[in-house]
């Protein structure tokens, strides 16, 4: 049985920033596509469909990038704080206990199949 005594704050902050940023980008893209679809389906525009589509694609990409940056920053802060909280609690109550096993590689699996 192994125990996680502490988590590197910067390491967790980077990973959560990447995850939050990716999720934020895809959520913004979903919102942009939904808005564009509703505008086109409802014929709630004054010009051509092409111009409305191009405008919304550009606005959607901008929204996606801005959302990704903002959510990544929030994710970095949250990861940093969570690692600090975990480290504090693990000193007081002990860390998370995990059981590790040796992972079989593809070569080992192939060797086992050939021997059988």
Protein backbone atom coordinates (compact mmCIF):
# COMPACT_ATOMS: atom_id res chain seq x y z
CA UNK A 1 0.00 0.00 0.00
CA UNK A 2 1.39 3.40 -1.01
CA UNK A 3 0.34 6.80 0.29
CA UNK A 4 0.22 10.16 -1.48
CA UNK A 5 1.91 12.42 1.09
CA UNK A 6 1.81 15.65 -0.92
CA UNK A 7 0.96 17.00 -4.37
CA UNK A 8 3.18 19.49 -6.20
CA UNK A 9 1.05 22.64 -6.44
CA UNK A 10 2.45 23.79 -9.80
CA UNK A 11 1.98 20.35 -11.34
CA UNK A 12 -1.69 20.10 -10.38
CA UNK A 13 -2.25 23.74 -11.33
CA UNK A 14 -0.91 23.13 -14.87
CA UNK A 15 -3.04 20.02 -15.41
CA UNK A 16 -6.25 21.62 -14.14
CA UNK A 17 -5.56 24.73 -16.24
CA UNK A 18 -5.28 22.59 -19.37
CA UNK A 19 -8.43 20.63 -18.57
CA UNK A 20 -10.46 23.75 -17.68
CA UNK A 21 -9.18 25.57 -20.77
CA UNK A 22 -10.13 22.73 -23.11
CA UNK A 23 -13.58 22.38 -21.58
CA UNK A 24 -14.11 26.15 -21.71
CA UNK A 25 -13.17 26.27 -25.41
CA UNK A 26 -15.57 23.48 -26.38
CA UNK A 27 -18.39 24.93 -24.29
CA UNK A 28 -17.94 28.30 -26.00
CA UNK A 29 -17.95 26.62 -29.42
CA UNK A 30 -21.17 24.80 -28.53
CA UNK A 31 -22.80 28.07 -27.45
CA UNK A 32 -21.65 29.86 -30.63
CA UNK A 33 -22.96 27.09 -32.89
CA UNK A 34 -26.27 27.01 -31.01
CA UNK A 35 -26.73 30.76 -31.31
CA UNK A 36 -25.83 30.70 -35.01
CA UNK A 37 -28.25 27.83 -35.64
CA UNK A 38 -31.07 29.60 -33.82
CA UNK A 39 -30.49 32.80 -35.79
CA UNK A 40 -30.46 30.98 -39.14
CA UNK A 41 -33.39 28.68 -38.37
CA UNK A 42 -35.48 31.54 -36.99
CA UNK A 43 -34.49 33.78 -39.94
CA UNK A 44 -33.68 36.47 -37.39
CA UNK A 45 -31.17 38.33 -39.54
CA UNK A 46 -31.25 41.24 -41.92
CA UNK A 47 -28.55 40.29 -44.44
CA UNK A 48 -27.34 37.17 -46.16
CA UNK A 49 -26.94 33.82 -44.47
CA UNK A 50 -23.27 33.74 -45.49
CA UNK A 51 -22.47 37.00 -43.73
CA UNK A 52 -24.36 35.94 -40.61
CA UNK A 53 -22.52 32.60 -40.62
CA UNK A 54 -19.09 34.21 -41.12
CA UNK A 55 -19.73 36.78 -38.39
CA UNK A 56 -20.86 34.12 -35.93
CA UNK A 57 -17.95 31.81 -36.76
CA UNK A 58 -15.52 34.67 -36.09
CA UNK A 59 -17.33 35.70 -32.93
CA UNK A 60 -17.49 32.06 -31.85
CA UNK A 61 -13.75 31.56 -32.31
CA UNK A 62 -13.02 34.74 -30.39
CA UNK A 63 -15.42 33.66 -27.64
CA UNK A 64 -13.79 30.21 -27.61
CA UNK A 65 -10.28 31.58 -27.22
CA UNK A 66 -11.28 34.09 -24.55
CA UNK A 67 -13.27 31.45 -22.66
CA UNK A 68 -10.38 29.00 -22.87
CA UNK A 69 -7.94 31.57 -21.46
CA UNK A 70 -10.32 32.62 -18.68
CA UNK A 71 -11.26 29.08 -17.67
CA UNK A 72 -7.61 27.99 -17.85
CA UNK A 73 -6.68 30.79 -15.45
CA UNK A 74 -9.47 29.75 -13.10
CA UNK A 75 -8.35 26.12 -13.42
CA UNK A 76 -4.75 27.04 -12.56
CA UNK A 77 -5.85 28.93 -9.47
CA UNK A 78 -8.19 26.11 -8.40
CA UNK A 79 -5.50 23.45 -8.92
CA UNK A 80 -2.97 25.44 -6.91
CA UNK A 81 -5.44 25.95 -4.07
CA UNK A 82 -6.63 22.31 -4.11
CA UNK A 83 -3.06 20.99 -3.91
CA UNK A 84 -2.36 23.29 -0.95
CA UNK A 85 -5.51 22.16 0.83
CA UNK A 86 -4.71 18.49 0.14
CA UNK A 87 -1.16 18.91 1.43
CA UNK A 88 -2.41 20.57 4.63
CA UNK A 89 -5.00 17.85 5.29
CA UNK A 90 -2.61 15.02 4.42
CA UNK A 91 -0.19 16.27 7.09
CA UNK A 92 -2.98 16.26 9.69
CA UNK A 93 -4.95 13.13 8.74
CA UNK A 94 -2.69 11.19 6.40
CA UNK A 95 -2.69 11.00 2.63
CA UNK A 96 -4.72 8.96 0.19
CA UNK A 97 -3.70 5.33 0.31
CA UNK A 98 -3.41 3.54 -3.02
CA UNK A 99 -2.39 0.07 -4.07
CA UNK A 100 -0.14 -0.10 -7.10
CA UNK A 101 0.45 -3.08 -9.36
CA UNK A 102 3.03 -3.62 -12.05
CA UNK A 103 1.43 -2.83 -15.41
CA UNK A 104 1.82 -5.34 -18.19
CA UNK A 105 3.19 -3.96 -21.42
CA UNK A 106 2.13 -4.94 -24.90
CA UNK A 107 5.29 -7.03 -25.30
CA UNK A 108 4.55 -8.96 -22.10
CA UNK A 109 0.98 -9.64 -23.25
CA UNK A 110 2.24 -10.91 -26.62
CA UNK A 111 4.82 -13.14 -24.87
CA UNK A 112 2.10 -14.57 -22.60
CA UNK A 113 -0.11 -15.34 -25.61
CA UNK A 114 2.75 -17.05 -27.45
CA UNK A 115 3.61 -19.20 -24.41
CA UNK A 116 0.03 -20.41 -24.04
